[in-house]
PDB file of N, CA and C in Angstrom:
ATOM      1  N   UNK A   1     -40.158  19.470 -32.563  1.00  0.00           N
ATOM      2  CA  UNK A   1     -40.105  19.066 -31.286  1.00  0.00           C
ATOM      3  C   UNK A   1     -38.823  19.593 -30.647  1.00  0.00           C
ATOM      4  N   UNK A   2     -38.900  20.219 -29.503  1.00  0.00           N
ATOM      5  CA  UNK A   2     -37.738  20.754 -28.844  1.00  0.00           C
ATOM      6  C   UNK A   2     -37.121  19.684 -27.893  1.00  0.00           C
ATOM      7  N   UNK A   3     -35.810  19.811 -27.802  1.00  0.00           N
ATOM      8  CA  UNK A   3     -35.120  18.906 -26.923  1.00  0.00           C
ATOM      9  C   UNK A   3     -35.381  19.476 -25.402  1.00  0.00           C
ATOM     10  N   UNK A   4     -35.561  18.531 -24.438  1.00  0.00           N
ATOM     11  CA  UNK A   4     -35.827  18.853 -23.148  1.00  0.00           C
ATOM     12  C   UNK A   4     -34.399  18.847 -22.425  1.00  0.00           C
ATOM     13  N   UNK A   5     -33.839  20.082 -21.939  1.00  0.00           N
ATOM     14  CA  UNK A   5     -32.489  20.186 -21.443  1.00  0.00           C
ATOM     15  C   UNK A   5     -32.363  19.325 -20.076  1.00  0.00           C
ATOM     16  N   UNK A   6     -33.327  18.835 -19.570  1.00  0.00           N
ATOM     17  CA  UNK A   6     -33.123  18.102 -18.267  1.00  0.00           C
ATOM     18  C   UNK A   6     -32.887  16.577 -18.490  1.00  0.00           C
ATOM     19  N   UNK A   7     -33.198  16.128 -19.692  1.00  0.00           N
ATOM     20  CA  UNK A   7     -33.144  14.716 -20.032  1.00  0.00           C
ATOM     21  C   UNK A   7     -31.618  14.185 -19.745  1.00  0.00           C
ATOM     22  N   UNK A   8     -30.585  14.891 -20.286  1.00  0.00           N
ATOM     23  CA  UNK A   8     -29.151  14.408 -19.863  1.00  0.00           C
ATOM     24  C   UNK A   8     -29.024  14.239 -18.361  1.00  0.00           C
ATOM     25  N   UNK A   9     -29.426  15.243 -17.638  1.00  0.00           N
ATOM     26  CA  UNK A   9     -29.236  15.126 -16.104  1.00  0.00           C
ATOM     27  C   UNK A   9     -29.931  13.964 -15.508  1.00  0.00           C
ATOM     28  N   UNK A  10     -31.086  13.650 -16.025  1.00  0.00           N
ATOM     29  CA  UNK A  10     -31.899  12.480 -15.445  1.00  0.00           C
ATOM     30  C   UNK A  10     -31.161  11.263 -15.805  1.00  0.00           C
ATOM     31  N   UNK A  11     -30.499  11.110 -17.086  1.00  0.00           N
ATOM     32  CA  UNK A  11     -29.846   9.932 -17.445  1.00  0.00           C
ATOM     33  C   UNK A  11     -28.626   9.768 -16.598  1.00  0.00           C
ATOM     34  N   UNK A  12     -27.860  10.870 -16.326  1.00  0.00           N
ATOM     35  CA  UNK A  12     -26.601  10.845 -15.555  1.00  0.00           C
ATOM     36  C   UNK A  12     -27.080  10.346 -14.106  1.00  0.00           C
ATOM     37  N   UNK A  13     -28.166  10.954 -13.528  1.00  0.00           N
ATOM     38  CA  UNK A  13     -28.550  10.617 -12.196  1.00  0.00           C
ATOM     39  C   UNK A  13     -28.963   9.048 -12.270  1.00  0.00           C
ATOM     40  N   UNK A  14     -29.626   8.552 -13.180  1.00  0.00           N
ATOM     41  CA  UNK A  14     -30.024   7.154 -13.242  1.00  0.00           C
ATOM     42  C   UNK A  14     -28.721   6.248 -13.253  1.00  0.00           C
ATOM     43  N   UNK A  15     -27.822   6.659 -14.167  1.00  0.00           N
ATOM     44  CA  UNK A  15     -26.625   5.963 -14.279  1.00  0.00           C
ATOM     45  C   UNK A  15     -25.846   5.932 -12.947  1.00  0.00           C
ATOM     46  N   UNK A  16     -25.755   7.010 -12.208  1.00  0.00           N
ATOM     47  CA  UNK A  16     -25.125   7.157 -10.964  1.00  0.00           C
ATOM     48  C   UNK A  16     -25.742   6.155  -9.875  1.00  0.00           C
ATOM     49  N   UNK A  17     -27.029   6.196  -9.764  1.00  0.00           N
ATOM     50  CA  UNK A  17     -27.800   5.390  -8.889  1.00  0.00           C
ATOM     51  C   UNK A  17     -27.551   3.872  -9.223  1.00  0.00           C
ATOM     52  N   UNK A  18     -27.495   3.513 -10.495  1.00  0.00           N
ATOM     53  CA  UNK A  18     -27.289   2.137 -10.920  1.00  0.00           C
ATOM     54  C   UNK A  18     -25.868   1.810 -10.558  1.00  0.00           C
ATOM     55  N   UNK A  19     -24.889   2.609 -10.750  1.00  0.00           N
ATOM     56  CA  UNK A  19     -23.529   2.375 -10.399  1.00  0.00           C
ATOM     57  C   UNK A  19     -23.312   2.185  -8.951  1.00  0.00           C
ATOM     58  N   UNK A  20     -23.984   2.893  -8.140  1.00  0.00           N
ATOM     59  CA  UNK A  20     -23.880   2.791  -6.673  1.00  0.00           C
ATOM     60  C   UNK A  20     -24.498   1.475  -6.252  1.00  0.00           C
ATOM     61  N   UNK A  21     -25.569   1.081  -6.804  1.00  0.00           N
ATOM     62  CA  UNK A  21     -26.244  -0.136  -6.431  1.00  0.00           C
ATOM     63  C   UNK A  21     -25.318  -1.452  -6.784  1.00  0.00           C
ATOM     64  N   UNK A  22     -24.760  -1.396  -7.999  1.00  0.00           N
ATOM     65  CA  UNK A  22     -23.776  -2.507  -8.316  1.00  0.00           C
ATOM     66  C   UNK A  22     -22.559  -2.523  -7.542  1.00  0.00           C
ATOM     67  N   UNK A  23     -21.911  -1.325  -7.215  1.00  0.00           N
ATOM     68  CA  UNK A  23     -20.820  -1.300  -6.411  1.00  0.00           C
ATOM     69  C   UNK A  23     -21.156  -1.745  -4.868  1.00  0.00           C
ATOM     70  N   UNK A  24     -22.339  -1.518  -4.439  1.00  0.00           N
ATOM     71  CA  UNK A  24     -22.765  -2.012  -3.158  1.00  0.00           C
ATOM     72  C   UNK A  24     -22.861  -3.539  -3.133  1.00  0.00           C
ATOM     73  N   UNK A  25     -23.287  -4.050  -4.242  1.00  0.00           N
ATOM     74  CA  UNK A  25     -23.283  -5.498  -4.337  1.00  0.00           C
ATOM     75  C   UNK A  25     -21.983  -6.124  -4.375  1.00  0.00           C
ATOM     76  N   UNK A  26     -21.068  -5.566  -5.123  1.00  0.00           N
ATOM     77  CA  UNK A  26     -19.752  -5.884  -5.160  1.00  0.00           C
ATOM     78  C   UNK A  26     -19.019  -5.956  -3.706  1.00  0.00           C
ATOM     79  N   UNK A  27     -19.288  -4.746  -2.928  1.00  0.00           N
ATOM     80  CA  UNK A  27     -18.765  -4.682  -1.626  1.00  0.00           C
ATOM     81  C   UNK A  27     -19.314  -5.759  -0.753  1.00  0.00           C
ATOM     82  N   UNK A  28     -20.645  -6.074  -0.796  1.00  0.00           N
ATOM     83  CA  UNK A  28     -21.279  -7.073  -0.115  1.00  0.00           C
ATOM     84  C   UNK A  28     -20.634  -8.429  -0.413  1.00  0.00           C
ATOM     85  N   UNK A  29     -20.360  -8.717  -1.567  1.00  0.00           N
ATOM     86  CA  UNK A  29     -19.728  -9.995  -1.843  1.00  0.00           C
ATOM     87  C   UNK A  29     -18.220 -10.098  -1.508  1.00  0.00           C
ATOM     88  N   UNK A  30     -17.634  -9.013  -1.210  1.00  0.00           N
ATOM     89  CA  UNK A  30     -16.223  -8.976  -0.756  1.00  0.00           C
ATOM     90  C   UNK A  30     -16.085  -8.770   0.674  1.00  0.00           C
ATOM     91  N   UNK A  31     -17.162  -8.820   1.502  1.00  0.00           N
ATOM     92  CA  UNK A  31     -17.057  -8.465   2.900  1.00  0.00           C
ATOM     93  C   UNK A  31     -16.217  -9.334   3.671  1.00  0.00           C
ATOM     94  N   UNK A  32     -16.084 -10.566   3.351  1.00  0.00           N
ATOM     95  CA  UNK A  32     -15.104 -11.412   4.120  1.00  0.00           C
ATOM     96  C   UNK A  32     -13.685 -10.969   3.754  1.00  0.00           C
ATOM     97  N   UNK A  33     -13.323 -10.637   2.615  1.00  0.00           N
ATOM     98  CA  UNK A  33     -12.059 -10.155   2.287  1.00  0.00           C
ATOM     99  C   UNK A  33     -11.702  -8.949   2.963  1.00  0.00           C
ATOM    100  N   UNK A  34     -12.687  -7.936   3.010  1.00  0.00           N
ATOM    101  CA  UNK A  34     -12.497  -6.696   3.661  1.00  0.00           C
ATOM    102  C   UNK A  34     -12.301  -6.865   5.112  1.00  0.00           C
ATOM    103  N   UNK A  35     -13.017  -7.757   5.785  1.00  0.00           N
ATOM    104  CA  UNK A  35     -12.990  -8.060   7.147  1.00  0.00           C
ATOM    105  C   UNK A  35     -11.541  -8.532   7.546  1.00  0.00           C
ATOM    106  N   UNK A  36     -11.147  -9.508   6.592  1.00  0.00           N
ATOM    107  CA  UNK A  36      -9.884 -10.167   6.853  1.00  0.00           C
ATOM    108  C   UNK A  36      -8.813  -9.075   6.829  1.00  0.00           C
ATOM    109  N   UNK A  37      -8.829  -8.169   5.834  1.00  0.00           N
ATOM    110  CA  UNK A  37      -7.865  -7.129   5.658  1.00  0.00           C
ATOM    111  C   UNK A  37      -7.848  -6.126   6.814  1.00  0.00           C
ATOM    112  N   UNK A  38      -9.064  -5.825   7.322  1.00  0.00           N
ATOM    113  CA  UNK A  38      -9.174  -4.893   8.512  1.00  0.00           C
ATOM    114  C   UNK A  38      -8.473  -5.556   9.754  1.00  0.00           C
ATOM    115  N   UNK A  39      -8.541  -6.865   9.888  1.00  0.00           N
ATOM    116  CA  UNK A  39      -8.071  -7.588  11.032  1.00  0.00           C
ATOM    117  C   UNK A  39      -6.459  -7.390  11.055  1.00  0.00           C
ATOM    118  N   UNK A  40      -5.924  -7.254   9.947  1.00  0.00           N
ATOM    119  CA  UNK A  40      -4.509  -7.175   9.771  1.00  0.00           C
ATOM    120  C   UNK A  40      -4.055  -5.599   9.882  1.00  0.00           C
ATOM    121  N   UNK A  41      -4.958  -4.752  10.183  1.00  0.00           N
ATOM    122  CA  UNK A  41      -4.652  -3.348  10.219  1.00  0.00           C
ATOM    123  C   UNK A  41      -4.731  -2.672   8.864  1.00  0.00           C
ATOM    124  N   UNK A  42      -5.181  -3.338   7.809  1.00  0.00           N
ATOM    125  CA  UNK A  42      -5.386  -2.795   6.545  1.00  0.00           C
ATOM    126  C   UNK A  42      -4.006  -2.710   5.748  1.00  0.00           C
ATOM    127  N   UNK A  43      -2.970  -3.128   6.224  1.00  0.00           N
ATOM    128  CA  UNK A  43      -1.724  -3.125   5.611  1.00  0.00           C
ATOM    129  C   UNK A  43      -0.978  -4.344   5.787  1.00  0.00           C
ATOM    130  N   UNK A  44      -0.495  -4.996   4.736  1.00  0.00           N
ATOM    131  CA  UNK A  44       0.224  -6.289   4.843  1.00  0.00           C
ATOM    132  C   UNK A  44       1.681  -6.007   5.618  1.00  0.00           C
ATOM    133  N   UNK A  45       1.751  -6.577   6.726  1.00  0.00           N
ATOM    134  CA  UNK A  45       2.984  -6.408   7.490  1.00  0.00           C
ATOM    135  C   UNK A  45       3.699  -7.721   7.837  1.00  0.00           C
ATOM    136  N   UNK A  46       3.087  -8.845   7.333  1.00  0.00           N
ATOM    137  CA  UNK A  46       3.713 -10.176   7.661  1.00  0.00           C
ATOM    138  C   UNK A  46       4.927 -10.429   6.725  1.00  0.00           C
ATOM    139  N   UNK A  47       5.893 -11.123   7.257  1.00  0.00           N
ATOM    140  CA  UNK A  47       6.958 -11.379   6.433  1.00  0.00           C
ATOM    141  C   UNK A  47       6.703 -12.335   5.417  1.00  0.00           C
ATOM    142  N   UNK A  48       7.342 -12.162   4.246  1.00  0.00           N
ATOM    143  CA  UNK A  48       7.067 -13.033   3.114  1.00  0.00           C
ATOM    144  C   UNK A  48       8.362 -13.715   2.735  1.00  0.00           C
ATOM    145  N   UNK A  49       8.274 -14.623   1.814  1.00  0.00           N
ATOM    146  CA  UNK A  49       9.478 -15.340   1.434  1.00  0.00           C
ATOM    147  C   UNK A  49      10.500 -14.347   0.804  1.00  0.00           C
ATOM    148  N   UNK A  50       9.906 -13.506  -0.004  1.00  0.00           N
ATOM    149  CA  UNK A  50      10.916 -12.515  -0.656  1.00  0.00           C
ATOM    150  C   UNK A  50      10.723 -11.121  -0.120  1.00  0.00           C
ATOM    151  N   UNK A  51       9.997 -10.718   0.688  1.00  0.00           N
ATOM    152  CA  UNK A  51       9.825  -9.386   1.245  1.00  0.00           C
ATOM    153  C   UNK A  51       9.128  -8.526   0.456  1.00  0.00           C
ATOM    154  N   UNK A  52       8.714  -8.878  -0.796  1.00  0.00           N
ATOM    155  CA  UNK A  52       8.034  -7.769  -1.684  1.00  0.00           C
ATOM    156  C   UNK A  52       6.686  -7.187  -1.168  1.00  0.00           C
ATOM    157  N   UNK A  53       5.894  -8.160  -0.475  1.00  0.00           N
ATOM    158  CA  UNK A  53       4.726  -7.516   0.151  1.00  0.00           C
ATOM    159  C   UNK A  53       4.951  -6.723   1.328  1.00  0.00           C
ATOM    160  N   UNK A  54       5.915  -6.789   1.999  1.00  0.00           N
ATOM    161  CA  UNK A  54       6.276  -5.978   3.217  1.00  0.00           C
ATOM    162  C   UNK A  54       6.828  -4.598   2.589  1.00  0.00           C
ATOM    163  N   UNK A  55       7.487  -4.573   1.499  1.00  0.00           N
ATOM    164  CA  UNK A  55       8.037  -3.397   1.039  1.00  0.00           C
ATOM    165  C   UNK A  55       6.953  -2.467   0.573  1.00  0.00           C
ATOM    166  N   UNK A  56       5.645  -2.803   0.448  1.00  0.00           N
ATOM    167  CA  UNK A  56       4.563  -1.994   0.040  1.00  0.00           C
ATOM    168  C   UNK A  56       4.353  -0.786   0.955  1.00  0.00           C
ATOM    169  N   UNK A  57       4.801  -0.942   2.223  1.00  0.00           N
ATOM    170  CA  UNK A  57       4.628   0.218   3.198  1.00  0.00           C
ATOM    171  C   UNK A  57       5.767   1.187   3.005  1.00  0.00           C
ATOM    172  N   UNK A  58       6.906   0.907   2.282  1.00  0.00           N
ATOM    173  CA  UNK A  58       7.994   1.699   2.042  1.00  0.00           C
ATOM    174  C   UNK A  58       7.839   2.638   0.895  1.00  0.00           C
ATOM    175  N   UNK A  59       7.005   2.251  -0.033  1.00  0.00           N
ATOM    176  CA  UNK A  59       6.909   3.094  -1.367  1.00  0.00           C
ATOM    177  C   UNK A  59       6.423   4.427  -1.183  1.00  0.00           C
ATOM    178  N   UNK A  60       5.631   4.714  -0.059  1.00  0.00           N
ATOM    179  CA  UNK A  60       5.104   6.101   0.102  1.00  0.00           C
ATOM    180  C   UNK A  60       6.326   7.165   0.213  1.00  0.00           C
ATOM    181  N   UNK A  61       7.337   6.861   0.886  1.00  0.00           N
ATOM    182  CA  UNK A  61       8.417   7.701   1.009  1.00  0.00           C
ATOM    183  C   UNK A  61       9.616   7.454   0.104  1.00  0.00           C
ATOM    184  N   UNK A  62       9.864   6.153  -0.273  1.00  0.00           N
ATOM    185  CA  UNK A  62      11.054   5.871  -1.096  1.00  0.00           C
ATOM    186  C   UNK A  62      10.772   5.680  -2.531  1.00  0.00           C
ATOM    187  N   UNK A  63       9.512   5.917  -2.975  1.00  0.00           N
ATOM    188  CA  UNK A  63       9.158   5.698  -4.359  1.00  0.00           C
ATOM    189  C   UNK A  63       8.734   4.283  -4.768  1.00  0.00           C
ATOM    190  N   UNK A  64       7.981   4.210  -5.872  1.00  0.00           N
ATOM    191  CA  UNK A  64       7.494   2.865  -6.235  1.00  0.00           C
ATOM    192  C   UNK A  64       8.506   1.956  -6.634  1.00  0.00           C
ATOM    193  N   UNK A  65       9.656   2.352  -7.080  1.00  0.00           N
ATOM    194  CA  UNK A  65      10.806   1.384  -7.329  1.00  0.00           C
ATOM    195  C   UNK A  65      11.914   1.482  -6.253  1.00  0.00           C
ATOM    196  N   UNK A  66      11.709   2.267  -5.243  1.00  0.00           N
ATOM    197  CA  UNK A  66      12.581   2.421  -4.119  1.00  0.00           C
ATOM    198  C   UNK A  66      13.828   3.032  -4.499  1.00  0.00           C
ATOM    199  N   UNK A  67      13.784   3.885  -5.589  1.00  0.00           N
ATOM    200  CA  UNK A  67      15.024   4.772  -5.903  1.00  0.00           C
ATOM    201  C   UNK A  67      15.000   6.015  -5.361  1.00  0.00           C
ATOM    202  N   UNK A  68      14.115   6.286  -4.456  1.00  0.00           N
ATOM    203  CA  UNK A  68      14.159   7.583  -3.767  1.00  0.00           C
ATOM    204  C   UNK A  68      12.830   8.336  -4.170  1.00  0.00           C
ATOM    205  N   UNK A  69      12.578   9.322  -3.204  1.00  0.00           N
ATOM    206  CA  UNK A  69      11.445  10.152  -3.226  1.00  0.00           C
ATOM    207  C   UNK A  69      11.634  11.086  -2.059  1.00  0.00           C
ATOM    208  N   UNK A  70      10.639  11.079  -1.136  1.00  0.00           N
ATOM    209  CA  UNK A  70      10.867  11.870   0.089  1.00  0.00           C
ATOM    210  C   UNK A  70      12.144  11.294   0.903  1.00  0.00           C
ATOM    211  N   UNK A  71      12.228   9.880   0.826  1.00  0.00           N
ATOM    212  CA  UNK A  71      13.359   9.249   1.437  1.00  0.00           C
ATOM    213  C   UNK A  71      14.368   8.868   0.463  1.00  0.00           C
ATOM    214  N   UNK A  72      15.508   8.317   0.836  1.00  0.00           N
ATOM    215  CA  UNK A  72      16.682   8.153  -0.088  1.00  0.00           C
ATOM    216  C   UNK A  72      16.355   6.908  -0.872  1.00  0.00           C
ATOM    217  N   UNK A  73      17.414   6.742  -1.876  1.00  0.00           N
ATOM    218  CA  UNK A  73      17.421   5.627  -2.705  1.00  0.00           C
ATOM    219  C   UNK A  73      17.728   4.406  -1.817  1.00  0.00           C
ATOM    220  N   UNK A  74      17.127   3.275  -1.880  1.00  0.00           N
ATOM    221  CA  UNK A  74      17.360   2.048  -1.096  1.00  0.00           C
ATOM    222  C   UNK A  74      18.259   1.041  -1.786  1.00  0.00           C
ATOM    223  N   UNK A  75      18.361   1.266  -3.175  1.00  0.00           N
ATOM    224  CA  UNK A  75      19.131   0.305  -3.930  1.00  0.00           C
ATOM    225  C   UNK A  75      20.661   0.455  -3.584  1.00  0.00           C
ATOM    226  N   UNK A  76      21.265  -0.682  -3.393  1.00  0.00           N
ATOM    227  CA  UNK A  76      22.803  -0.702  -3.092  1.00  0.00           C
ATOM    228  C   UNK A  76      23.079  -0.585  -1.604  1.00  0.00           C
ATOM    229  N   UNK A  77      22.049  -0.326  -0.734  1.00  0.00           N
ATOM    230  CA  UNK A  77      22.258  -0.284   0.597  1.00  0.00           C
ATOM    231  C   UNK A  77      22.642  -1.600   1.208  1.00  0.00           C
ATOM    232  N   UNK A  78      23.629  -1.814   2.184  1.00  0.00           N
ATOM    233  CA  UNK A  78      23.991  -3.109   2.777  1.00  0.00           C
ATOM    234  C   UNK A  78      22.672  -3.595   3.527  1.00  0.00           C
ATOM    235  N   UNK A  79      22.425  -4.952   3.421  1.00  0.00           N
ATOM    236  CA  UNK A  79      21.405  -5.450   4.125  1.00  0.00           C
ATOM    237  C   UNK A  79      21.370  -5.239   5.651  1.00  0.00           C
ATOM    238  N   UNK A  80      22.677  -5.299   6.250  1.00  0.00           N
ATOM    239  CA  UNK A  80      22.656  -4.980   7.714  1.00  0.00           C
ATOM    240  C   UNK A  80      22.263  -3.590   8.051  1.00  0.00           C
ATOM    241  N   UNK A  81      22.383  -2.659   7.189  1.00  0.00           N
ATOM    242  CA  UNK A  81      22.088  -1.182   7.491  1.00  0.00           C
ATOM    243  C   UNK A  81      20.532  -1.155   7.338  1.00  0.00           C
ATOM    244  N   UNK A  82      19.924  -1.823   6.380  1.00  0.00           N
ATOM    245  CA  UNK A  82      18.395  -1.823   6.268  1.00  0.00           C
ATOM    246  C   UNK A  82      17.780  -2.445   7.377  1.00  0.00           C
ATOM    247  N   UNK A  83      18.322  -3.665   7.931  1.00  0.00           N
ATOM    248  CA  UNK A  83      17.760  -4.231   9.052  1.00  0.00           C
ATOM    249  C   UNK A  83      17.953  -3.375  10.329  1.00  0.00           C
ATOM    250  N   UNK A  84      18.984  -2.649  10.426  1.00  0.00           N
ATOM    251  CA  UNK A  84      19.255  -1.823  11.648  1.00  0.00           C
ATOM    252  C   UNK A  84      18.278  -0.626  11.676  1.00  0.00           C
ATOM    253  N   UNK A  85      18.080   0.012  10.457  1.00  0.00           N
ATOM    254  CA  UNK A  85      17.201   1.104  10.448  1.00  0.00           C
ATOM    255  C   UNK A  85      15.639   0.661  10.627  1.00  0.00           C
ATOM    256  N   UNK A  86      15.240  -0.436  10.052  1.00  0.00           N
ATOM    257  CA  UNK A  86      13.891  -0.884  10.220  1.00  0.00           C
ATOM    258  C   UNK A  86      13.622  -1.385  11.721  1.00  0.00           C
ATOM    259  N   UNK A  87      14.562  -1.813  12.384  1.00  0.00           N
ATOM    260  CA  UNK A  87      14.401  -2.267  13.742  1.00  0.00           C
ATOM    261  C   UNK A  87      14.705  -1.215  14.788  1.00  0.00           C
ATOM    262  N   UNK A  88      15.723  -0.343  14.588  1.00  0.00           N
ATOM    263  CA  UNK A  88      16.117   0.735  15.451  1.00  0.00           C
ATOM    264  C   UNK A  88      15.779   2.160  15.136  1.00  0.00           C
ATOM    265  N   UNK A  89      15.402   2.365  13.800  1.00  0.00           N
ATOM    266  CA  UNK A  89      15.040   3.647  13.443  1.00  0.00           C
ATOM    267  C   UNK A  89      16.149   4.630  13.183  1.00  0.00           C
ATOM    268  N   UNK A  90      15.800   5.815  12.758  1.00  0.00           N
ATOM    269  CA  UNK A  90      16.701   6.962  12.724  1.00  0.00           C
ATOM    270  C   UNK A  90      16.074   8.224  13.322  1.00  0.00           C
ATOM    271  N   UNK A  91      16.762   8.658  14.346  1.00  0.00           N
ATOM    272  CA  UNK A  91      16.153   9.779  15.122  1.00  0.00           C
ATOM    273  C   UNK A  91      15.945  10.985  14.234  1.00  0.00           C
ATOM    274  N   UNK A  92      14.767  11.646  14.394  1.00  0.00           N
ATOM    275  CA  UNK A  92      14.471  12.780  13.740  1.00  0.00           C
ATOM    276  C   UNK A  92      13.936  12.607  12.269  1.00  0.00           C
ATOM    277  N   UNK A  93      13.557  11.295  12.041  1.00  0.00           N
ATOM    278  CA  UNK A  93      13.012  11.030  10.735  1.00  0.00           C
ATOM    279  C   UNK A  93      11.733  10.108  10.900  1.00  0.00           C
ATOM    280  N   UNK A  94      10.909   9.890   9.887  1.00  0.00           N
ATOM    281  CA  UNK A  94       9.775   9.039  10.053  1.00  0.00           C
ATOM    282  C   UNK A  94      10.180   7.639  10.303  1.00  0.00           C
ATOM    283  N   UNK A  95      11.383   7.271  10.163  1.00  0.00           N
ATOM    284  CA  UNK A  95      11.836   5.912  10.386  1.00  0.00           C
ATOM    285  C   UNK A  95      12.040   5.655  11.942  1.00  0.00           C
ATOM    286  N   UNK A  96      10.983   5.374  12.561  1.00  0.00           N
ATOM    287  CA  UNK A  96      11.093   5.088  14.003  1.00  0.00           C
ATOM    288  C   UNK A  96      11.541   3.714  14.485  1.00  0.00           C
ATOM    289  N   UNK A  97      11.911   3.629  15.609  1.00  0.00           N
ATOM    290  CA  UNK A  97      12.306   2.314  16.110  1.00  0.00           C
ATOM    291  C   UNK A  97      11.184   1.344  16.201  1.00  0.00           C
ATOM    292  N   UNK A  98      11.413   0.111  15.834  1.00  0.00           N
ATOM    293  CA  UNK A  98      10.437  -0.874  15.930  1.00  0.00           C
ATOM    294  C   UNK A  98       9.383  -0.907  14.776  1.00  0.00           C
ATOM    295  N   UNK A  99       9.749  -0.203  13.653  1.00  0.00           N
ATOM    296  CA  UNK A  99       8.801  -0.330  12.584  1.00  0.00           C
ATOM    297  C   UNK A  99       8.528  -1.716  12.104  1.00  0.00           C
ATOM    298  N   UNK A 100       9.485  -2.419  12.019  1.00  0.00           N
ATOM    299  CA  UNK A 100       9.234  -3.895  11.625  1.00  0.00           C
ATOM    300  C   UNK A 100      10.097  -4.784  12.722  1.00  0.00           C
ATOM    301  N   UNK A 101       9.598  -5.954  12.765  1.00  0.00           N
ATOM    302  CA  UNK A 101      10.240  -6.997  13.572  1.00  0.00           C
ATOM    303  C   UNK A 101      11.469  -7.507  12.743  1.00  0.00           C
ATOM    304  N   UNK A 102      12.297  -8.336  13.531  1.00  0.00           N
ATOM    305  CA  UNK A 102      13.637  -8.839  12.949  1.00  0.00           C
ATOM    306  C   UNK A 102      13.265  -9.658  11.691  1.00  0.00           C
ATOM    307  N   UNK A 103      12.350 -10.537  11.697  1.00  0.00           N
ATOM    308  CA  UNK A 103      12.048 -11.343  10.513  1.00  0.00           C
ATOM    309  C   UNK A 103      11.645 -10.460   9.321  1.00  0.00           C
ATOM    310  N   UNK A 104      10.754  -9.510   9.563  1.00  0.00           N
ATOM    311  CA  UNK A 104      10.277  -8.609   8.477  1.00  0.00           C
ATOM    312  C   UNK A 104      11.433  -7.721   7.921  1.00  0.00           C
ATOM    313  N   UNK A 105      12.241  -7.289   8.830  1.00  0.00           N
ATOM    314  CA  UNK A 105      13.331  -6.398   8.336  1.00  0.00           C
ATOM    315  C   UNK A 105      14.391  -7.271   7.677  1.00  0.00           C
ATOM    316  N   UNK A 106      14.606  -8.526   7.901  1.00  0.00           N
ATOM    317  CA  UNK A 106      15.530  -9.305   7.079  1.00  0.00           C
ATOM    318  C   UNK A 106      14.877  -9.626   5.716  1.00  0.00           C
ATOM    319  N   UNK A 107      13.546  -9.920   5.733  1.00  0.00           N
ATOM    320  CA  UNK A 107      12.950 -10.243   4.370  1.00  0.00           C
ATOM    321  C   UNK A 107      12.941  -9.081   3.511  1.00  0.00           C
ATOM    322  N   UNK A 108      12.758  -7.872   4.065  1.00  0.00           N
ATOM    323  CA  UNK A 108      12.849  -6.581   3.234  1.00  0.00           C
ATOM    324  C   UNK A 108      14.267  -6.382   2.692  1.00  0.00           C
ATOM    325  N   UNK A 109      15.247  -6.531   3.624  1.00  0.00           N
ATOM    326  CA  UNK A 109      16.559  -6.249   3.345  1.00  0.00           C
ATOM    327  C   UNK A 109      16.994  -7.232   2.105  1.00  0.00           C
ATOM    328  N   UNK A 110      16.731  -8.458   2.314  1.00  0.00           N
ATOM    329  CA  UNK A 110      17.018  -9.546   1.274  1.00  0.00           C
ATOM    330  C   UNK A 110      16.298  -9.113  -0.058  1.00  0.00           C
ATOM    331  N   UNK A 111      15.070  -8.676  -0.042  1.00  0.00           N
ATOM    332  CA  UNK A 111      14.375  -8.353  -1.342  1.00  0.00           C
ATOM    333  C   UNK A 111      15.008  -7.117  -1.866  1.00  0.00           C
ATOM    334  N   UNK A 112      15.374  -6.020  -1.068  1.00  0.00           N
ATOM    335  CA  UNK A 112      15.935  -4.854  -1.699  1.00  0.00           C
ATOM    336  C   UNK A 112      17.308  -5.106  -2.375  1.00  0.00           C
ATOM    337  N   UNK A 113      18.119  -6.170  -1.734  1.00  0.00           N
ATOM    338  CA  UNK A 113      19.358  -6.424  -2.318  1.00  0.00           C
ATOM    339  C   UNK A 113      19.128  -7.041  -3.646  1.00  0.00           C
ATOM    340  N   UNK A 114      18.056  -7.605  -4.041  1.00  0.00           N
ATOM    341  CA  UNK A 114      17.883  -8.217  -5.320  1.00  0.00           C
ATOM    342  C   UNK A 114      17.425  -7.155  -6.439  1.00  0.00           C
ATOM    343  N   UNK A 115      17.104  -6.041  -5.942  1.00  0.00           N
ATOM    344  CA  UNK A 115      16.589  -4.886  -6.972  1.00  0.00           C
ATOM    345  C   UNK A 115      17.784  -4.322  -7.689  1.00  0.00           C
ATOM    346  N   UNK A 116      17.495  -3.871  -8.866  1.00  0.00           N
ATOM    347  CA  UNK A 116      18.652  -3.227  -9.623  1.00  0.00           C
ATOM    348  C   UNK A 116      18.307  -1.829  -9.891  1.00  0.00           C
TER     349      UNK A 116
END
């Protein structure tokens, strides 16, 4: 009896269709969470007690541990400098004025000051 070369492709297709079905069910079950996230613009920007959730928008340029990437290392910067940059920006850079409000900027600065 010869092996049919199309059988693996049919199995992969069936697995893919099943996976799509189950992922759709997962998405349908999470639609309230997805809608709530979309209302907030898809990015957490509210001030938190320690600023760690707000810093999530910084890691794209400053690296996952904020020690630098496209942007500079943020460790060791004075808190007032961080607040100034987040509220007033730096001309000619992606750090535009008004990126964060005063409360968010202070929370971020306080959180970054705790990092080593």
